[in-house]
Amino acid sequence: MNREEIYTKAISKWGIEPQLDQTVEEMAELTQAISKIKRLKVNQSELIRNNKDVKVHSVLLKALNELCDVELMIGQVKHILTDVCGLNEEYKQIYDNLNNRMVNKLKE
């Protein structure tokens, strides 16, 4: 089953509003997991060097798990907005504009 089929079946099974609620919940959990990474009080090089430390590794894995949850839910939200609501062309235009803006800022 491809992602679009999964999104369609999930929305059909649980409904749009519950899936939007679930997205908000998953994003909150990712926010909390990111906060825990920041609370480790290590700089970037220490984070990379110490990622095998049991505590650091556990915190990073939790964040990774939450990131995967959010990615799956964001895919459903995108499916709802682009396919169900018919805003695919608008999505492409907005995405391209934001992407171009980022590329231009990176050139500065």
N, C-alpha and C. Protein backbone atom coordinates (compact mmCIF):
# COMPACT_ATOMS: atom_id res chain seq x y z
N MET A 1 0.86 -1.18 0.00
CA MET A 1 0.00 0.00 0.00
C MET A 1 0.91 1.24 0.00
N ASN A 2 0.69 2.15 -0.96
CA ASN A 2 1.50 3.37 -0.99
C ASN A 2 0.96 4.40 0.01
N ARG A 3 1.70 5.47 0.20
CA ARG A 3 1.33 6.47 1.21
C ARG A 3 -0.04 7.09 0.95
N GLU A 4 -0.33 7.42 -0.29
CA GLU A 4 -1.61 8.05 -0.59
C GLU A 4 -2.77 7.11 -0.25
N GLU A 5 -2.59 5.83 -0.52
CA GLU A 5 -3.63 4.85 -0.15
C GLU A 5 -3.78 4.77 1.37
N ILE A 6 -2.65 4.80 2.07
CA ILE A 6 -2.69 4.76 3.53
C ILE A 6 -3.43 5.98 4.06
N TYR A 7 -3.09 7.17 3.53
CA TYR A 7 -3.74 8.41 3.99
C TYR A 7 -5.24 8.36 3.72
N THR A 8 -5.61 7.92 2.53
CA THR A 8 -7.03 7.84 2.17
C THR A 8 -7.77 6.90 3.11
N LYS A 9 -7.19 5.74 3.37
CA LYS A 9 -7.84 4.76 4.25
C LYS A 9 -7.90 5.25 5.69
N ALA A 10 -6.84 5.91 6.16
CA ALA A 10 -6.84 6.43 7.54
C ALA A 10 -7.92 7.49 7.70
N ILE A 11 -8.03 8.38 6.74
CA ILE A 11 -9.04 9.44 6.82
C ILE A 11 -10.44 8.85 6.72
N SER A 12 -10.59 7.85 5.85
CA SER A 12 -11.88 7.18 5.72
C SER A 12 -12.26 6.46 7.01
N LYS A 13 -11.29 5.83 7.64
CA LYS A 13 -11.55 5.06 8.86
C LYS A 13 -11.81 5.95 10.07
N TRP A 14 -10.95 6.99 10.26
CA TRP A 14 -11.03 7.78 11.49
C TRP A 14 -11.64 9.17 11.30
N GLY A 15 -11.69 9.66 10.06
CA GLY A 15 -12.28 10.96 9.81
C GLY A 15 -11.26 12.09 9.82
N ILE A 16 -11.63 13.19 9.19
CA ILE A 16 -10.72 14.33 9.06
C ILE A 16 -10.44 14.98 10.42
N GLU A 17 -11.48 15.32 11.15
CA GLU A 17 -11.26 16.05 12.41
C GLU A 17 -10.42 15.25 13.41
N PRO A 18 -10.70 13.96 13.62
CA PRO A 18 -9.83 13.20 14.53
C PRO A 18 -8.37 13.14 14.07
N GLN A 19 -8.17 13.07 12.76
CA GLN A 19 -6.79 13.02 12.27
C GLN A 19 -6.10 14.38 12.44
N LEU A 20 -6.84 15.46 12.30
CA LEU A 20 -6.26 16.78 12.58
C LEU A 20 -5.92 16.90 14.06
N ASP A 21 -6.81 16.41 14.92
CA ASP A 21 -6.53 16.42 16.37
C ASP A 21 -5.29 15.58 16.69
N GLN A 22 -5.19 14.44 16.06
CA GLN A 22 -4.03 13.56 16.28
C GLN A 22 -2.74 14.24 15.82
N THR A 23 -2.83 14.99 14.73
CA THR A 23 -1.66 15.72 14.23
C THR A 23 -1.18 16.72 15.26
N VAL A 24 -2.12 17.48 15.83
CA VAL A 24 -1.77 18.47 16.86
C VAL A 24 -1.09 17.76 18.04
N GLU A 25 -1.64 16.64 18.46
CA GLU A 25 -1.07 15.89 19.59
C GLU A 25 0.34 15.41 19.28
N GLU A 26 0.54 14.88 18.08
CA GLU A 26 1.87 14.38 17.71
C GLU A 26 2.87 15.53 17.62
N MET A 27 2.44 16.68 17.12
CA MET A 27 3.34 17.83 17.04
C MET A 27 3.73 18.31 18.43
N ALA A 28 2.81 18.27 19.36
CA ALA A 28 3.11 18.66 20.74
C ALA A 28 4.14 17.69 21.36
N GLU A 29 3.99 16.41 21.06
CA GLU A 29 4.94 15.43 21.57
C GLU A 29 6.32 15.64 20.96
N LEU A 30 6.39 16.01 19.68
CA LEU A 30 7.68 16.30 19.06
C LEU A 30 8.29 17.56 19.68
N THR A 31 7.47 18.56 19.94
CA THR A 31 7.96 19.77 20.59
C THR A 31 8.58 19.43 21.94
N GLN A 32 7.91 18.59 22.71
CA GLN A 32 8.43 18.18 24.01
C GLN A 32 9.74 17.41 23.85
N ALA A 33 9.82 16.53 22.88
CA ALA A 33 11.04 15.75 22.65
C ALA A 33 12.20 16.66 22.25
N ILE A 34 11.93 17.66 21.43
CA ILE A 34 12.98 18.61 21.04
C ILE A 34 13.44 19.41 22.25
N SER A 35 12.52 19.79 23.11
CA SER A 35 12.88 20.50 24.34
C SER A 35 13.82 19.65 25.20
N LYS A 36 13.57 18.35 25.24
CA LYS A 36 14.44 17.47 26.02
C LYS A 36 15.84 17.39 25.41
N ILE A 37 15.95 17.44 24.10
CA ILE A 37 17.27 17.48 23.47
C ILE A 37 17.98 18.76 23.91
N LYS A 38 17.28 19.87 23.87
CA LYS A 38 17.89 21.14 24.26
C LYS A 38 18.31 21.13 25.73
N ARG A 39 17.55 20.43 26.57
CA ARG A 39 17.88 20.36 28.00
C ARG A 39 19.12 19.52 28.29
N LEU A 40 19.60 18.78 27.31
CA LEU A 40 20.83 18.02 27.51
C LEU A 40 22.02 18.95 27.74
N LYS A 41 21.87 20.20 27.36
CA LYS A 41 22.90 21.23 27.56
C LYS A 41 24.24 20.82 26.94
N VAL A 42 24.16 20.32 25.71
CA VAL A 42 25.38 20.00 24.98
C VAL A 42 25.35 20.75 23.67
N ASN A 43 26.53 21.15 23.22
CA ASN A 43 26.58 21.85 21.93
C ASN A 43 26.53 20.83 20.80
N GLN A 44 26.51 21.33 19.59
CA GLN A 44 26.31 20.46 18.42
C GLN A 44 27.37 19.38 18.32
N SER A 45 28.63 19.73 18.48
CA SER A 45 29.68 18.72 18.35
C SER A 45 29.61 17.69 19.46
N GLU A 46 29.24 18.13 20.69
CA GLU A 46 29.08 17.18 21.79
C GLU A 46 27.89 16.26 21.54
N LEU A 47 26.83 16.79 20.97
CA LEU A 47 25.65 15.98 20.68
C LEU A 47 26.00 14.87 19.70
N ILE A 48 26.75 15.23 18.68
CA ILE A 48 27.18 14.24 17.67
C ILE A 48 28.13 13.23 18.31
N ARG A 49 29.09 13.72 19.07
CA ARG A 49 30.11 12.86 19.67
C ARG A 49 29.51 11.95 20.75
N ASN A 50 28.51 12.43 21.48
CA ASN A 50 27.96 11.68 22.61
C ASN A 50 26.65 10.96 22.28
N ASN A 51 26.32 10.83 21.01
CA ASN A 51 25.00 10.26 20.70
C ASN A 51 24.90 8.77 21.04
N LYS A 52 25.99 8.15 21.44
CA LYS A 52 25.94 6.75 21.89
C LYS A 52 25.82 6.65 23.41
N ASP A 53 25.97 7.78 24.10
CA ASP A 53 25.72 7.80 25.54
C ASP A 53 24.28 7.37 25.76
N VAL A 54 24.04 6.52 26.74
CA VAL A 54 22.72 5.92 26.94
C VAL A 54 21.64 6.98 27.09
N LYS A 55 21.86 8.00 27.91
CA LYS A 55 20.85 9.03 28.12
C LYS A 55 20.63 9.85 26.85
N VAL A 56 21.72 10.29 26.24
CA VAL A 56 21.62 11.10 25.02
C VAL A 56 20.93 10.29 23.92
N HIS A 57 21.36 9.06 23.76
CA HIS A 57 20.79 8.19 22.73
C HIS A 57 19.28 8.00 22.93
N SER A 58 18.89 7.79 24.18
CA SER A 58 17.48 7.61 24.50
C SER A 58 16.66 8.84 24.15
N VAL A 59 17.18 10.01 24.48
CA VAL A 59 16.48 11.26 24.18
C VAL A 59 16.38 11.46 22.67
N LEU A 60 17.46 11.16 21.95
CA LEU A 60 17.45 11.31 20.50
C LEU A 60 16.49 10.33 19.84
N LEU A 61 16.46 9.09 20.32
CA LEU A 61 15.53 8.11 19.75
C LEU A 61 14.08 8.50 19.99
N LYS A 62 13.78 9.05 21.16
CA LYS A 62 12.42 9.51 21.45
C LYS A 62 12.03 10.61 20.45
N ALA A 63 12.95 11.55 20.23
CA ALA A 63 12.67 12.62 19.28
C ALA A 63 12.48 12.07 17.87
N LEU A 64 13.30 11.10 17.51
CA LEU A 64 13.18 10.49 16.18
C LEU A 64 11.84 9.79 16.02
N ASN A 65 11.40 9.10 17.05
CA ASN A 65 10.10 8.43 17.02
C ASN A 65 8.97 9.45 16.84
N GLU A 66 9.06 10.54 17.59
CA GLU A 66 8.03 11.58 17.47
C GLU A 66 8.07 12.25 16.10
N LEU A 67 9.27 12.43 15.56
CA LEU A 67 9.41 13.00 14.22
C LEU A 67 8.71 12.12 13.19
N CYS A 68 8.90 10.82 13.30
CA CYS A 68 8.23 9.89 12.37
C CYS A 68 6.71 9.98 12.51
N ASP A 69 6.23 10.05 13.75
CA ASP A 69 4.78 10.21 13.97
C ASP A 69 4.27 11.47 13.27
N VAL A 70 5.00 12.57 13.46
CA VAL A 70 4.58 13.85 12.87
C VAL A 70 4.62 13.78 11.35
N GLU A 71 5.66 13.18 10.80
CA GLU A 71 5.74 13.07 9.33
C GLU A 71 4.55 12.32 8.76
N LEU A 72 4.16 11.24 9.42
CA LEU A 72 3.00 10.48 8.94
C LEU A 72 1.72 11.31 9.04
N MET A 73 1.57 12.05 10.12
CA MET A 73 0.37 12.86 10.29
C MET A 73 0.39 14.06 9.33
N ILE A 74 1.53 14.68 9.12
CA ILE A 74 1.64 15.80 8.19
C ILE A 74 1.29 15.33 6.77
N GLY A 75 1.68 14.11 6.44
CA GLY A 75 1.30 13.55 5.14
C GLY A 75 -0.21 13.49 4.99
N GLN A 76 -0.89 13.12 6.08
CA GLN A 76 -2.35 13.07 6.03
C GLN A 76 -2.96 14.47 5.92
N VAL A 77 -2.39 15.42 6.65
CA VAL A 77 -2.89 16.80 6.55
C VAL A 77 -2.70 17.34 5.14
N LYS A 78 -1.54 17.07 4.57
CA LYS A 78 -1.29 17.49 3.18
C LYS A 78 -2.30 16.83 2.25
N HIS A 79 -2.56 15.56 2.44
CA HIS A 79 -3.54 14.84 1.62
C HIS A 79 -4.93 15.47 1.77
N ILE A 80 -5.30 15.79 3.00
CA ILE A 80 -6.60 16.43 3.23
C ILE A 80 -6.69 17.75 2.49
N LEU A 81 -5.66 18.59 2.64
CA LEU A 81 -5.71 19.93 2.04
C LEU A 81 -5.58 19.91 0.52
N THR A 82 -4.70 19.05 0.00
CA THR A 82 -4.45 19.07 -1.44
C THR A 82 -5.43 18.21 -2.23
N ASP A 83 -5.65 16.99 -1.76
CA ASP A 83 -6.49 16.07 -2.53
C ASP A 83 -7.96 16.15 -2.14
N VAL A 84 -8.24 16.08 -0.85
CA VAL A 84 -9.64 16.10 -0.40
C VAL A 84 -10.26 17.48 -0.65
N CYS A 85 -9.53 18.53 -0.29
CA CYS A 85 -10.06 19.90 -0.45
C CYS A 85 -9.73 20.50 -1.82
N GLY A 86 -8.92 19.82 -2.61
CA GLY A 86 -8.64 20.27 -3.97
C GLY A 86 -7.70 21.46 -4.08
N LEU A 87 -6.76 21.59 -3.15
CA LEU A 87 -5.85 22.75 -3.16
C LEU A 87 -4.44 22.37 -3.61
N ASN A 88 -4.33 21.39 -4.48
CA ASN A 88 -3.02 20.91 -4.90
C ASN A 88 -2.21 21.98 -5.64
N GLU A 89 -2.82 22.70 -6.56
CA GLU A 89 -2.10 23.74 -7.30
C GLU A 89 -1.64 24.86 -6.36
N GLU A 90 -2.51 25.24 -5.43
CA GLU A 90 -2.15 26.27 -4.46
C GLU A 90 -0.99 25.80 -3.59
N TYR A 91 -1.03 24.53 -3.21
CA TYR A 91 0.06 23.96 -2.41
C TYR A 91 1.38 24.07 -3.16
N LYS A 92 1.38 23.65 -4.42
CA LYS A 92 2.61 23.70 -5.21
C LYS A 92 3.14 25.12 -5.31
N GLN A 93 2.26 26.09 -5.53
CA GLN A 93 2.68 27.48 -5.66
C GLN A 93 3.27 28.00 -4.34
N ILE A 94 2.58 27.75 -3.24
CA ILE A 94 3.07 28.21 -1.94
C ILE A 94 4.40 27.54 -1.60
N TYR A 95 4.48 26.24 -1.83
CA TYR A 95 5.70 25.50 -1.52
C TYR A 95 6.86 26.03 -2.35
N ASP A 96 6.65 26.21 -3.64
CA ASP A 96 7.72 26.72 -4.51
C ASP A 96 8.16 28.12 -4.08
N ASN A 97 7.21 28.98 -3.73
CA ASN A 97 7.56 30.33 -3.28
C ASN A 97 8.41 30.29 -2.02
N LEU A 98 8.01 29.49 -1.05
CA LEU A 98 8.77 29.40 0.20
C LEU A 98 10.14 28.76 -0.03
N ASN A 99 10.18 27.75 -0.86
CA ASN A 99 11.45 27.10 -1.18
C ASN A 99 12.40 28.08 -1.86
N ASN A 100 11.90 28.84 -2.82
CA ASN A 100 12.72 29.83 -3.51
C ASN A 100 13.22 30.90 -2.56
N ARG A 101 12.36 31.32 -1.64
CA ARG A 101 12.77 32.33 -0.66
C ARG A 101 13.92 31.80 0.20
N MET A 102 13.82 30.54 0.61
CA MET A 102 14.90 29.94 1.41
C MET A 102 16.19 29.86 0.62
N VAL A 103 16.09 29.42 -0.63
CA VAL A 103 17.27 29.32 -1.48
C VAL A 103 17.94 30.68 -1.62
N ASN A 104 17.14 31.72 -1.84
CA ASN A 104 17.70 33.07 -1.97
C ASN A 104 18.36 33.54 -0.68
N LYS A 105 17.77 33.24 0.46
CA LYS A 105 18.38 33.63 1.74
C LYS A 105 19.68 32.88 1.97
N LEU A 106 19.77 31.67 1.51
CA LEU A 106 21.00 30.90 1.69
C LEU A 106 22.13 31.44 0.81
N LYS A 107 21.79 32.11 -0.25
CA LYS A 107 22.80 32.71 -1.13
C LYS A 107 23.37 33.99 -0.56
N GLU A 108 22.67 34.60 0.40
CA GLU A 108 23.10 35.89 0.96
C GLU A 108 24.37 35.74 1.77
